[in-house]
Amino acid sequence: MAALGIDLFDQTSRARIEAIQWELAQRLLRCGAVVVIEWGLWSRTERDALHESARELGVAVELRYLAAPLDVLWQRVQGRGTDPASPDVALTYEHLVEYEAMFDPPDDAELAGYDA
């Protein structure tokens, strides 16, 4: 998004881009390719919808969830400022706190519904 000059906090543009990415991902899955979805999917509802759509294509679906404490996430965000390949995004600690409150982590029951 940064390369396209789009504000990373523009949720409307983000949703459009993710929809285009999912359309392309489905085409690739139909061709037998492996696809990794690496955007938000912060809620169980979002994950369930994508899971169901992928299952309808007859493909295996895995969910990889890596939990990290807020302090570790903040260190990573701060480290981005030292990487010339990373866009300069004004992500604050307060953003992380807000996002953490919005995130619905997968539980054991949800994880059990995915392929190993």
PDB file of N, CA and C in Angstrom:
ATOM      1  N   MET A   1       0.832  -1.189   0.000  1.00  0.00           N
ATOM      2  CA  MET A   1       0.000   0.000   0.000  1.00  0.00           C
ATOM      3  C   MET A   1       0.872   1.247   0.000  1.00  0.00           C
ATOM      4  N   ALA A   2       1.947   1.203   0.772  1.00  0.00           N
ATOM      5  CA  ALA A   2       2.846   2.357   0.815  1.00  0.00           C
ATOM      6  C   ALA A   2       3.444   2.615  -0.560  1.00  0.00           C
ATOM      7  N   ALA A   3       3.802   1.550  -1.281  1.00  0.00           N
ATOM      8  CA  ALA A   3       4.387   1.706  -2.613  1.00  0.00           C
ATOM      9  C   ALA A   3       3.396   2.337  -3.590  1.00  0.00           C
ATOM     10  N   LEU A   4       2.103   2.163  -3.330  1.00  0.00           N
ATOM     11  CA  LEU A   4       1.065   2.744  -4.180  1.00  0.00           C
ATOM     12  C   LEU A   4       0.635   4.126  -3.705  1.00  0.00           C
ATOM     13  N   GLY A   5       1.248   4.587  -2.616  1.00  0.00           N
ATOM     14  CA  GLY A   5       0.890   5.901  -2.085  1.00  0.00           C
ATOM     15  C   GLY A   5      -0.425   5.886  -1.326  1.00  0.00           C
ATOM     16  N   ILE A   6      -0.815   4.718  -0.824  1.00  0.00           N
ATOM     17  CA  ILE A   6      -2.073   4.583  -0.089  1.00  0.00           C
ATOM     18  C   ILE A   6      -1.771   4.581   1.402  1.00  0.00           C
ATOM     19  N   ASP A   7      -2.515   5.353   2.145  1.00  0.00           N
ATOM     20  CA  ASP A   7      -2.370   5.410   3.597  1.00  0.00           C
ATOM     21  C   ASP A   7      -2.639   4.018   4.170  1.00  0.00           C
ATOM     22  N   LEU A   8      -1.694   3.508   4.943  1.00  0.00           N
ATOM     23  CA  LEU A   8      -1.837   2.168   5.510  1.00  0.00           C
ATOM     24  C   LEU A   8      -3.018   2.043   6.465  1.00  0.00           C
ATOM     25  N   PHE A   9      -3.538   3.157   6.930  1.00  0.00           N
ATOM     26  CA  PHE A   9      -4.688   3.143   7.835  1.00  0.00           C
ATOM     27  C   PHE A   9      -6.017   3.321   7.084  1.00  0.00           C
ATOM     28  N   ASP A  10      -5.971   3.382   5.765  1.00  0.00           N
ATOM     29  CA  ASP A  10      -7.176   3.534   4.938  1.00  0.00           C
ATOM     30  C   ASP A  10      -7.847   2.168   4.807  1.00  0.00           C
ATOM     31  N   GLN A  11      -8.833   1.908   5.656  1.00  0.00           N
ATOM     32  CA  GLN A  11      -9.470   0.589   5.712  1.00  0.00           C
ATOM     33  C   GLN A  11     -10.246   0.244   4.441  1.00  0.00           C
ATOM     34  N   THR A  12     -10.819   1.249   3.771  1.00  0.00           N
ATOM     35  CA  THR A  12     -11.558   0.988   2.537  1.00  0.00           C
ATOM     36  C   THR A  12     -10.614   0.474   1.452  1.00  0.00           C
ATOM     37  N   SER A  13      -9.484   1.144   1.295  1.00  0.00           N
ATOM     38  CA  SER A  13      -8.498   0.704   0.303  1.00  0.00           C
ATOM     39  C   SER A  13      -7.915  -0.651   0.680  1.00  0.00           C
ATOM     40  N   ARG A  14      -7.650  -0.843   1.963  1.00  0.00           N
ATOM     41  CA  ARG A  14      -7.105  -2.124   2.428  1.00  0.00           C
ATOM     42  C   ARG A  14      -8.078  -3.262   2.086  1.00  0.00           C
ATOM     43  N   ALA A  15      -9.374  -3.056   2.324  1.00  0.00           N
ATOM     44  CA  ALA A  15     -10.376  -4.082   2.023  1.00  0.00           C
ATOM     45  C   ALA A  15     -10.420  -4.386   0.528  1.00  0.00           C
ATOM     46  N   ARG A  16     -10.302  -3.366  -0.302  1.00  0.00           N
ATOM     47  CA  ARG A  16     -10.308  -3.581  -1.749  1.00  0.00           C
ATOM     48  C   ARG A  16      -9.092  -4.398  -2.187  1.00  0.00           C
ATOM     49  N   ILE A  17      -7.945  -4.054  -1.648  1.00  0.00           N
ATOM     50  CA  ILE A  17      -6.715  -4.772  -2.002  1.00  0.00           C
ATOM     51  C   ILE A  17      -6.801  -6.223  -1.547  1.00  0.00           C
ATOM     52  N   GLU A  18      -7.293  -6.452  -0.345  1.00  0.00           N
ATOM     53  CA  GLU A  18      -7.428  -7.823   0.144  1.00  0.00           C
ATOM     54  C   GLU A  18      -8.410  -8.616  -0.704  1.00  0.00           C
ATOM     55  N   ALA A  19      -9.479  -7.977  -1.177  1.00  0.00           N
ATOM     56  CA  ALA A  19     -10.437  -8.666  -2.049  1.00  0.00           C
ATOM     57  C   ALA A  19      -9.774  -9.076  -3.361  1.00  0.00           C
ATOM     58  N   ILE A  20      -8.959  -8.204  -3.927  1.00  0.00           N
ATOM     59  CA  ILE A  20      -8.229  -8.529  -5.157  1.00  0.00           C
ATOM     60  C   ILE A  20      -7.237  -9.663  -4.887  1.00  0.00           C
ATOM     61  N   GLN A  21      -6.548  -9.584  -3.759  1.00  0.00           N
ATOM     62  CA  GLN A  21      -5.597 -10.647  -3.408  1.00  0.00           C
ATOM     63  C   GLN A  21      -6.315 -11.987  -3.253  1.00  0.00           C
ATOM     64  N   TRP A  22      -7.493 -11.992  -2.632  1.00  0.00           N
ATOM     65  CA  TRP A  22      -8.223 -13.238  -2.439  1.00  0.00           C
ATOM     66  C   TRP A  22      -8.717 -13.801  -3.773  1.00  0.00           C
ATOM     67  N   GLU A  23      -9.157 -12.926  -4.686  1.00  0.00           N
ATOM     68  CA  GLU A  23      -9.561 -13.394  -6.017  1.00  0.00           C
ATOM     69  C   GLU A  23      -8.387 -14.075  -6.718  1.00  0.00           C
ATOM     70  N   LEU A  24      -7.219 -13.457  -6.660  1.00  0.00           N
ATOM     71  CA  LEU A  24      -6.025 -14.048  -7.267  1.00  0.00           C
ATOM     72  C   LEU A  24      -5.649 -15.348  -6.566  1.00  0.00           C
ATOM     73  N   ALA A  25      -5.725 -15.358  -5.244  1.00  0.00           N
ATOM     74  CA  ALA A  25      -5.395 -16.568  -4.478  1.00  0.00           C
ATOM     75  C   ALA A  25      -6.290 -17.728  -4.886  1.00  0.00           C
ATOM     76  N   GLN A  26      -7.576 -17.472  -5.080  1.00  0.00           N
ATOM     77  CA  GLN A  26      -8.497 -18.531  -5.483  1.00  0.00           C
ATOM     78  C   GLN A  26      -8.138 -19.073  -6.869  1.00  0.00           C
ATOM     79  N   ARG A  27      -7.771 -18.195  -7.773  1.00  0.00           N
ATOM     80  CA  ARG A  27      -7.356 -18.649  -9.102  1.00  0.00           C
ATOM     81  C   ARG A  27      -6.122 -19.539  -8.997  1.00  0.00           C
ATOM     82  N   LEU A  28      -5.181 -19.140  -8.153  1.00  0.00           N
ATOM     83  CA  LEU A  28      -3.969 -19.934  -7.969  1.00  0.00           C
ATOM     84  C   LEU A  28      -4.284 -21.289  -7.326  1.00  0.00           C
ATOM     85  N   LEU A  29      -5.179 -21.290  -6.345  1.00  0.00           N
ATOM     86  CA  LEU A  29      -5.562 -22.545  -5.696  1.00  0.00           C
ATOM     87  C   LEU A  29      -6.198 -23.504  -6.688  1.00  0.00           C
ATOM     88  N   ARG A  30      -7.030 -22.972  -7.569  1.00  0.00           N
ATOM     89  CA  ARG A  30      -7.663 -23.814  -8.584  1.00  0.00           C
ATOM     90  C   ARG A  30      -6.630 -24.443  -9.511  1.00  0.00           C
ATOM     91  N   CYS A  31      -5.476 -23.806  -9.654  1.00  0.00           N
ATOM     92  CA  CYS A  31      -4.388 -24.322 -10.497  1.00  0.00           C
ATOM     93  C   CYS A  31      -3.469 -25.263  -9.726  1.00  0.00           C
ATOM     94  N   GLY A  32      -3.754 -25.485  -8.438  1.00  0.00           N
ATOM     95  CA  GLY A  32      -2.947 -26.394  -7.646  1.00  0.00           C
ATOM     96  C   GLY A  32      -1.811 -25.740  -6.878  1.00  0.00           C
ATOM     97  N   ALA A  33      -1.747 -24.422  -6.890  1.00  0.00           N
ATOM     98  CA  ALA A  33      -0.674 -23.717  -6.177  1.00  0.00           C
ATOM     99  C   ALA A  33      -0.970 -23.670  -4.679  1.00  0.00           C
ATOM    100  N   VAL A  34       0.064 -23.463  -3.914  1.00  0.00           N
ATOM    101  CA  VAL A  34      -0.067 -23.229  -2.478  1.00  0.00           C
ATOM    102  C   VAL A  34      -0.115 -21.714  -2.271  1.00  0.00           C
ATOM    103  N   VAL A  35      -1.034 -21.272  -1.456  1.00  0.00           N
ATOM    104  CA  VAL A  35      -1.220 -19.844  -1.217  1.00  0.00           C
ATOM    105  C   VAL A  35      -1.127 -19.573   0.278  1.00  0.00           C
ATOM    106  N   VAL A  36      -0.445 -18.504   0.632  1.00  0.00           N
ATOM    107  CA  VAL A  36      -0.360 -18.069   2.021  1.00  0.00           C
ATOM    108  C   VAL A  36      -1.082 -16.725   2.133  1.00  0.00           C
ATOM    109  N   ILE A  37      -2.091 -16.676   2.980  1.00  0.00           N
ATOM    110  CA  ILE A  37      -2.793 -15.421   3.273  1.00  0.00           C
ATOM    111  C   ILE A  37      -2.153 -14.855   4.523  1.00  0.00           C
ATOM    112  N   GLU A  38      -1.636 -13.647   4.412  1.00  0.00           N
ATOM    113  CA  GLU A  38      -0.869 -13.110   5.516  1.00  0.00           C
ATOM    114  C   GLU A  38      -1.369 -11.719   5.913  1.00  0.00           C
ATOM    115  N   TRP A  39      -2.642 -11.456   5.602  1.00  0.00           N
ATOM    116  CA  TRP A  39      -3.207 -10.197   6.083  1.00  0.00           C
ATOM    117  C   TRP A  39      -3.994 -10.476   7.349  1.00  0.00           C
ATOM    118  N   GLY A  40      -4.472  -9.467   8.002  1.00  0.00           N
ATOM    119  CA  GLY A  40      -5.109  -9.508   9.309  1.00  0.00           C
ATOM    120  C   GLY A  40      -5.861 -10.735   9.750  1.00  0.00           C
ATOM    121  N   LEU A  41      -7.073 -10.904   9.261  1.00  0.00           N
ATOM    122  CA  LEU A  41      -7.955 -11.976   9.731  1.00  0.00           C
ATOM    123  C   LEU A  41      -8.032 -11.963  11.256  1.00  0.00           C
ATOM    124  N   TRP A  42      -8.395 -10.828  11.778  1.00  0.00           N
ATOM    125  CA  TRP A  42      -8.383 -10.592  13.219  1.00  0.00           C
ATOM    126  C   TRP A  42      -9.534 -11.238  13.952  1.00  0.00           C
ATOM    127  N   SER A  43     -10.612 -11.551  13.242  1.00  0.00           N
ATOM    128  CA  SER A  43     -11.777 -12.119  13.931  1.00  0.00           C
ATOM    129  C   SER A  43     -12.033 -13.540  13.460  1.00  0.00           C
ATOM    130  N   ARG A  44     -12.673 -14.297  14.311  1.00  0.00           N
ATOM    131  CA  ARG A  44     -13.047 -15.675  13.971  1.00  0.00           C
ATOM    132  C   ARG A  44     -13.969 -15.664  12.762  1.00  0.00           C
ATOM    133  N   THR A  45     -14.855 -14.695  12.682  1.00  0.00           N
ATOM    134  CA  THR A  45     -15.788 -14.596  11.562  1.00  0.00           C
ATOM    135  C   THR A  45     -15.038 -14.456  10.239  1.00  0.00           C
ATOM    136  N   GLU A  46     -14.026 -13.601  10.207  1.00  0.00           N
ATOM    137  CA  GLU A  46     -13.224 -13.430   8.987  1.00  0.00           C
ATOM    138  C   GLU A  46     -12.505 -14.727   8.620  1.00  0.00           C
ATOM    139  N   ARG A  47     -11.900 -15.355   9.621  1.00  0.00           N
ATOM    140  CA  ARG A  47     -11.170 -16.602   9.359  1.00  0.00           C
ATOM    141  C   ARG A  47     -12.113 -17.699   8.894  1.00  0.00           C
ATOM    142  N   ASP A  48     -13.289 -17.799   9.521  1.00  0.00           N
ATOM    143  CA  ASP A  48     -14.257 -18.825   9.124  1.00  0.00           C
ATOM    144  C   ASP A  48     -14.709 -18.640   7.682  1.00  0.00           C
ATOM    145  N   ALA A  49     -14.952 -17.401   7.276  1.00  0.00           N
ATOM    146  CA  ALA A  49     -15.405 -17.135   5.907  1.00  0.00           C
ATOM    147  C   ALA A  49     -14.343 -17.540   4.892  1.00  0.00           C
ATOM    148  N   LEU A  50     -13.102 -17.196   5.153  1.00  0.00           N
ATOM    149  CA  LEU A  50     -12.022 -17.557   4.241  1.00  0.00           C
ATOM    150  C   LEU A  50     -11.801 -19.070   4.230  1.00  0.00           C
ATOM    151  N   HIS A  51     -11.876 -19.670   5.409  1.00  0.00           N
ATOM    152  CA  HIS A  51     -11.726 -21.124   5.546  1.00  0.00           C
ATOM    153  C   HIS A  51     -12.793 -21.833   4.709  1.00  0.00           C
ATOM    154  N   GLU A  52     -14.018 -21.407   4.851  1.00  0.00           N
ATOM    155  CA  GLU A  52     -15.128 -22.024   4.113  1.00  0.00           C
ATOM    156  C   GLU A  52     -14.951 -21.852   2.606  1.00  0.00           C
ATOM    157  N   SER A  53     -14.560 -20.663   2.182  1.00  0.00           N
ATOM    158  CA  SER A  53     -14.356 -20.416   0.749  1.00  0.00           C
ATOM    159  C   SER A  53     -13.256 -21.305   0.192  1.00  0.00           C
ATOM    160  N   ALA A  54     -12.181 -21.465   0.947  1.00  0.00           N
ATOM    161  CA  ALA A  54     -11.088 -22.323   0.489  1.00  0.00           C
ATOM    162  C   ALA A  54     -11.527 -23.780   0.450  1.00  0.00           C
ATOM    163  N   ARG A  55     -12.282 -24.206   1.443  1.00  0.00           N
ATOM    164  CA  ARG A  55     -12.777 -25.594   1.474  1.00  0.00           C
ATOM    165  C   ARG A  55     -13.667 -25.881   0.271  1.00  0.00           C
ATOM    166  N   GLU A  56     -14.460 -24.885  -0.136  1.00  0.00           N
ATOM    167  CA  GLU A  56     -15.325 -25.060  -1.303  1.00  0.00           C
ATOM    168  C   GLU A  56     -14.518 -25.319  -2.568  1.00  0.00           C
ATOM    169  N   LEU A  57     -13.267 -24.897  -2.568  1.00  0.00           N
ATOM    170  CA  LEU A  57     -12.380 -25.162  -3.705  1.00  0.00           C
ATOM    171  C   LEU A  57     -11.751 -26.545  -3.611  1.00  0.00           C
ATOM    172  N   GLY A  58     -12.006 -27.235  -2.480  1.00  0.00           N
ATOM    173  CA  GLY A  58     -11.489 -28.586  -2.303  1.00  0.00           C
ATOM    174  C   GLY A  58     -10.019 -28.646  -1.911  1.00  0.00           C
ATOM    175  N   VAL A  59      -9.530 -27.599  -1.289  1.00  0.00           N
ATOM    176  CA  VAL A  59      -8.114 -27.572  -0.912  1.00  0.00           C
ATOM    177  C   VAL A  59      -7.957 -27.731   0.595  1.00  0.00           C
ATOM    178  N   ALA A  60      -6.786 -28.203   0.988  1.00  0.00           N
ATOM    179  CA  ALA A  60      -6.445 -28.265   2.408  1.00  0.00           C
ATOM    180  C   ALA A  60      -6.239 -26.839   2.910  1.00  0.00           C
ATOM    181  N   VAL A  61      -6.614 -26.618   4.162  1.00  0.00           N
ATOM    182  CA  VAL A  61      -6.480 -25.282   4.747  1.00  0.00           C
ATOM    183  C   VAL A  61      -5.813 -25.401   6.106  1.00  0.00           C
ATOM    184  N   GLU A  62      -4.718 -24.692   6.263  1.00  0.00           N
ATOM    185  CA  GLU A  62      -3.990 -24.673   7.530  1.00  0.00           C
ATOM    186  C   GLU A  62      -4.095 -23.282   8.139  1.00  0.00           C
ATOM    187  N   LEU A  63      -4.029 -23.231   9.443  1.00  0.00           N
ATOM    188  CA  LEU A  63      -3.984 -21.951  10.149  1.00  0.00           C
ATOM    189  C   LEU A  63      -2.742 -21.958  11.018  1.00  0.00           C
ATOM    190  N   ARG A  64      -1.885 -20.995  10.791  1.00  0.00           N
ATOM    191  CA  ARG A  64      -0.676 -20.827  11.603  1.00  0.00           C
ATOM    192  C   ARG A  64      -0.861 -19.566  12.429  1.00  0.00           C
ATOM    193  N   TYR A  65      -0.825 -19.728  13.711  1.00  0.00           N
ATOM    194  CA  TYR A  65      -0.990 -18.593  14.618  1.00  0.00           C
ATOM    195  C   TYR A  65       0.208 -18.540  15.549  1.00  0.00           C
ATOM    196  N   LEU A  66       0.909 -17.431  15.531  1.00  0.00           N
ATOM    197  CA  LEU A  66       2.085 -17.240  16.376  1.00  0.00           C
ATOM    198  C   LEU A  66       1.792 -16.083  17.329  1.00  0.00           C
ATOM    199  N   ALA A  67       1.637 -16.400  18.579  1.00  0.00           N
ATOM    200  CA  ALA A  67       1.358 -15.372  19.579  1.00  0.00           C
ATOM    201  C   ALA A  67       2.666 -14.704  19.993  1.00  0.00           C
ATOM    202  N   ALA A  68       2.593 -13.418  20.209  1.00  0.00           N
ATOM    203  CA  ALA A  68       3.755 -12.671  20.703  1.00  0.00           C
ATOM    204  C   ALA A  68       3.254 -11.625  21.696  1.00  0.00           C
ATOM    205  N   PRO A  69       3.969 -11.457  22.799  1.00  0.00           N
ATOM    206  CA  PRO A  69       3.575 -10.439  23.778  1.00  0.00           C
ATOM    207  C   PRO A  69       3.645  -9.038  23.171  1.00  0.00           C
ATOM    208  N   LEU A  70       2.848  -8.150  23.704  1.00  0.00           N
ATOM    209  CA  LEU A  70       2.776  -6.783  23.205  1.00  0.00           C
ATOM    210  C   LEU A  70       4.154  -6.115  23.193  1.00  0.00           C
ATOM    211  N   ASP A  71       4.952  -6.346  24.201  1.00  0.00           N
ATOM    212  CA  ASP A  71       6.283  -5.731  24.255  1.00  0.00           C
ATOM    213  C   ASP A  71       7.168  -6.195  23.097  1.00  0.00           C
ATOM    214  N   VAL A  72       7.058  -7.463  22.731  1.00  0.00           N
ATOM    215  CA  VAL A  72       7.832  -7.998  21.607  1.00  0.00           C
ATOM    216  C   VAL A  72       7.345  -7.366  20.305  1.00  0.00           C
ATOM    217  N   LEU A  73       6.037  -7.251  20.152  1.00  0.00           N
ATOM    218  CA  LEU A  73       5.496  -6.616  18.951  1.00  0.00           C
ATOM    219  C   LEU A  73       5.985  -5.177  18.841  1.00  0.00           C
ATOM    220  N   TRP A  74       6.006  -4.477  19.960  1.00  0.00           N
ATOM    221  CA  TRP A  74       6.454  -3.086  19.960  1.00  0.00           C
ATOM    222  C   TRP A  74       7.930  -3.002  19.575  1.00  0.00           C
ATOM    223  N   GLN A  75       8.747  -3.914  20.067  1.00  0.00           N
ATOM    224  CA  GLN A  75      10.166  -3.934  19.687  1.00  0.00           C
ATOM    225  C   GLN A  75      10.320  -4.137  18.181  1.00  0.00           C
ATOM    226  N   ARG A  76       9.492  -5.000  17.619  1.00  0.00           N
ATOM    227  CA  ARG A  76       9.552  -5.255  16.174  1.00  0.00           C
ATOM    228  C   ARG A  76       9.159  -4.018  15.389  1.00  0.00           C
ATOM    229  N   VAL A  77       8.115  -3.333  15.842  1.00  0.00           N
ATOM    230  CA  VAL A  77       7.687  -2.099  15.171  1.00  0.00           C
ATOM    231  C   VAL A  77       8.807  -1.070  15.220  1.00  0.00           C
ATOM    232  N   GLN A  78       9.410  -0.920  16.363  1.00  0.00           N
ATOM    233  CA  GLN A  78      10.501   0.039  16.489  1.00  0.00           C
ATOM    234  C   GLN A  78      11.682  -0.345  15.613  1.00  0.00           C
ATOM    235  N   GLY A  79      11.937  -1.627  15.458  1.00  0.00           N
ATOM    236  CA  GLY A  79      13.024  -2.104  14.612  1.00  0.00           C
ATOM    237  C   GLY A  79      12.810  -1.817  13.141  1.00  0.00           C
ATOM    238  N   ARG A  80      11.562  -1.667  12.745  1.00  0.00           N
ATOM    239  CA  ARG A  80      11.275  -1.363  11.342  1.00  0.00           C
ATOM    240  C   ARG A  80      11.919  -0.043  10.927  1.00  0.00           C
ATOM    241  N   GLY A  81      12.014   0.878  11.853  1.00  0.00           N
ATOM    242  CA  GLY A  81      12.589   2.182  11.536  1.00  0.00           C
ATOM    243  C   GLY A  81      14.045   2.100  11.136  1.00  0.00           C
ATOM    244  N   THR A  82      14.705   1.007  11.470  1.00  0.00           N
ATOM    245  CA  THR A  82      16.117   0.846  11.127  1.00  0.00           C
ATOM    246  C   THR A  82      16.303   0.047   9.839  1.00  0.00           C
ATOM    247  N   ASP A  83      15.206  -0.456   9.273  1.00  0.00           N
ATOM    248  CA  ASP A  83      15.282  -1.256   8.046  1.00  0.00           C
ATOM    249  C   ASP A  83      14.902  -0.380   6.854  1.00  0.00           C
ATOM    250  N   PRO A  84      15.857  -0.068   5.959  1.00  0.00           N
ATOM    251  CA  PRO A  84      15.550   0.795   4.823  1.00  0.00           C
ATOM    252  C   PRO A  84      14.507   0.214   3.878  1.00  0.00           C
ATOM    253  N   ALA A  85      14.281  -1.099   3.917  1.00  0.00           N
ATOM    254  CA  ALA A  85      13.285  -1.729   3.031  1.00  0.00           C
ATOM    255  C   ALA A  85      11.870  -1.577   3.572  1.00  0.00           C
ATOM    256  N   SER A  86      11.723  -1.214   4.836  1.00  0.00           N
ATOM    257  CA  SER A  86      10.397  -1.083   5.445  1.00  0.00           C
ATOM    258  C   SER A  86       9.881   0.340   5.290  1.00  0.00           C
ATOM    259  N   PRO A  87       8.592   0.474   4.935  1.00  0.00           N
ATOM    260  CA  PRO A  87       8.034   1.824   4.825  1.00  0.00           C
ATOM    261  C   PRO A  87       7.973   2.489   6.201  1.00  0.00           C
ATOM    262  N   ASP A  88       8.092   3.778   6.191  1.00  0.00           N
ATOM    263  CA  ASP A  88       8.042   4.549   7.429  1.00  0.00           C
ATOM    264  C   ASP A  88       6.576   4.763   7.806  1.00  0.00           C
ATOM    265  N   VAL A  89       6.094   3.967   8.742  1.00  0.00           N
ATOM    266  CA  VAL A  89       4.705   4.036   9.168  1.00  0.00           C
ATOM    267  C   VAL A  89       4.667   4.508  10.613  1.00  0.00           C
ATOM    268  N   ALA A  90       3.817   5.469  10.877  1.00  0.00           N
ATOM    269  CA  ALA A  90       3.718   6.023  12.225  1.00  0.00           C
ATOM    270  C   ALA A  90       2.812   5.151  13.092  1.00  0.00           C
ATOM    271  N   LEU A  91       3.238   3.932  13.347  1.00  0.00           N
ATOM    272  CA  LEU A  91       2.498   3.021  14.206  1.00  0.00           C
ATOM    273  C   LEU A  91       2.969   3.258  15.632  1.00  0.00           C
ATOM    274  N   THR A  92       2.026   3.507  16.512  1.00  0.00           N
ATOM    275  CA  THR A  92       2.374   3.825  17.887  1.00  0.00           C
ATOM    276  C   THR A  92       2.080   2.643  18.813  1.00  0.00           C
ATOM    277  N   TYR A  93       2.609   2.741  20.005  1.00  0.00           N
ATOM    278  CA  TYR A  93       2.321   1.728  21.015  1.00  0.00           C
ATOM    279  C   TYR A  93       0.819   1.704  21.300  1.00  0.00           C
ATOM    280  N   GLU A  94       0.196   2.873  21.304  1.00  0.00           N
ATOM    281  CA  GLU A  94      -1.252   2.959  21.537  1.00  0.00           C
ATOM    282  C   GLU A  94      -2.027   2.219  20.454  1.00  0.00           C
ATOM    283  N   HIS A  95      -1.538   2.280  19.204  1.00  0.00           N
ATOM    284  CA  HIS A  95      -2.179   1.500  18.136  1.00  0.00           C
ATOM    285  C   HIS A  95      -2.150   0.010  18.485  1.00  0.00           C
ATOM    286  N   LEU A  96      -0.984  -0.465  18.930  1.00  0.00           N
ATOM    287  CA  LEU A  96      -0.853  -1.885  19.259  1.00  0.00           C
ATOM    288  C   LEU A  96      -1.806  -2.292  20.377  1.00  0.00           C
ATOM    289  N   VAL A  97      -1.937  -1.446  21.379  1.00  0.00           N
ATOM    290  CA  VAL A  97      -2.862  -1.733  22.482  1.00  0.00           C
ATOM    291  C   VAL A  97      -4.290  -1.806  21.951  1.00  0.00           C
ATOM    292  N   GLU A  98      -4.646  -0.862  21.099  1.00  0.00           N
ATOM    293  CA  GLU A  98      -5.988  -0.848  20.502  1.00  0.00           C
ATOM    294  C   GLU A  98      -6.221  -2.093  19.650  1.00  0.00           C
ATOM    295  N   TYR A  99      -5.245  -2.451  18.838  1.00  0.00           N
ATOM    296  CA  TYR A  99      -5.385  -3.609  17.957  1.00  0.00           C
ATOM    297  C   TYR A  99      -5.452  -4.913  18.748  1.00  0.00           C
ATOM    298  N   GLU A 100      -4.673  -4.987  19.810  1.00  0.00           N
ATOM    299  CA  GLU A 100      -4.695  -6.187  20.647  1.00  0.00           C
ATOM    300  C   GLU A 100      -6.095  -6.408  21.217  1.00  0.00           C
ATOM    301  N   ALA A 101      -6.764  -5.324  21.599  1.00  0.00           N
ATOM    302  CA  ALA A 101      -8.118  -5.431  22.155  1.00  0.00           C
ATOM    303  C   ALA A 101      -9.126  -5.880  21.092  1.00  0.00           C
ATOM    304  N   MET A 102      -8.837  -5.593  19.827  1.00  0.00           N
ATOM    305  CA  MET A 102      -9.753  -5.952  18.738  1.00  0.00           C
ATOM    306  C   MET A 102      -9.519  -7.373  18.229  1.00  0.00           C
ATOM    307  N   PHE A 103      -8.367  -7.956  18.518  1.00  0.00           N
ATOM    308  CA  PHE A 103      -7.992  -9.254  17.964  1.00  0.00           C
ATOM    309  C   PHE A 103      -8.667 -10.395  18.718  1.00  0.00           C
ATOM    310  N   ASP A 104      -9.204 -11.336  17.960  1.00  0.00           N
ATOM    311  CA  ASP A 104      -9.846 -12.523  18.503  1.00  0.00           C
ATOM    312  C   ASP A 104      -8.939 -13.723  18.199  1.00  0.00           C
ATOM    313  N   PRO A 105      -8.043 -14.077  19.132  1.00  0.00           N
ATOM    314  CA  PRO A 105      -7.112 -15.166  18.841  1.00  0.00           C
ATOM    315  C   PRO A 105      -7.844 -16.500  18.686  1.00  0.00           C
ATOM    316  N   PRO A 106      -7.333 -17.363  17.815  1.00  0.00           N
ATOM    317  CA  PRO A 106      -7.980 -18.670  17.663  1.00  0.00           C
ATOM    318  C   PRO A 106      -7.800 -19.509  18.925  1.00  0.00           C
ATOM    319  N   ASP A 107      -8.868 -20.229  19.270  1.00  0.00           N
ATOM    320  CA  ASP A 107      -8.776 -21.134  20.418  1.00  0.00           C
ATOM    321  C   ASP A 107      -8.549 -22.557  19.899  1.00  0.00           C
ATOM    322  N   ASP A 108      -8.422 -23.487  20.819  1.00  0.00           N
ATOM    323  CA  ASP A 108      -8.144 -24.874  20.438  1.00  0.00           C
ATOM    324  C   ASP A 108      -9.243 -25.458  19.553  1.00  0.00           C
ATOM    325  N   ALA A 109     -10.494 -25.104  19.832  1.00  0.00           N
ATOM    326  CA  ALA A 109     -11.601 -25.632  19.033  1.00  0.00           C
ATOM    327  C   ALA A 109     -11.512 -25.140  17.589  1.00  0.00           C
ATOM    328  N   GLU A 110     -11.187 -23.875  17.400  1.00  0.00           N
ATOM    329  CA  GLU A 110     -11.050 -23.347  16.050  1.00  0.00           C
ATOM    330  C   GLU A 110      -9.860 -24.007  15.345  1.00  0.00           C
ATOM    331  N   LEU A 111      -8.740 -24.083  16.015  1.00  0.00           N
ATOM    332  CA  LEU A 111      -7.545 -24.673  15.411  1.00  0.00           C
ATOM    333  C   LEU A 111      -7.784 -26.124  15.000  1.00  0.00           C
ATOM    334  N   ALA A 112      -8.613 -26.844  15.754  1.00  0.00           N
ATOM    335  CA  ALA A 112      -8.896 -28.242  15.463  1.00  0.00           C
ATOM    336  C   ALA A 112      -9.650 -28.404  14.126  1.00  0.00           C
ATOM    337  N   GLY A 113     -10.280 -27.347  13.645  1.00  0.00           N
ATOM    338  CA  GLY A 113     -11.025 -27.417  12.384  1.00  0.00           C
ATOM    339  C   GLY A 113     -10.172 -27.282  11.137  1.00  0.00           C
ATOM    340  N   TYR A 114      -8.887 -27.086  11.314  1.00  0.00           N
ATOM    341  CA  TYR A 114      -7.974 -26.909  10.193  1.00  0.00           C
ATOM    342  C   TYR A 114      -7.137 -28.160   9.964  1.00  0.00           C
ATOM    343  N   ASP A 115      -6.570 -28.259   8.786  1.00  0.00           N
ATOM    344  CA  ASP A 115      -5.672 -29.367   8.475  1.00  0.00           C
ATOM    345  C   ASP A 115      -4.368 -29.175   9.235  1.00  0.00           C
ATOM    346  N   ALA A 116      -3.715 -30.297   9.526  1.00  0.00           N
ATOM    347  CA  ALA A 116      -2.437 -30.253  10.268  1.00  0.00           C
ATOM    348  C   ALA A 116      -1.330 -29.719   9.391  1.00  0.00           C
TER     349      ALA A 116
END
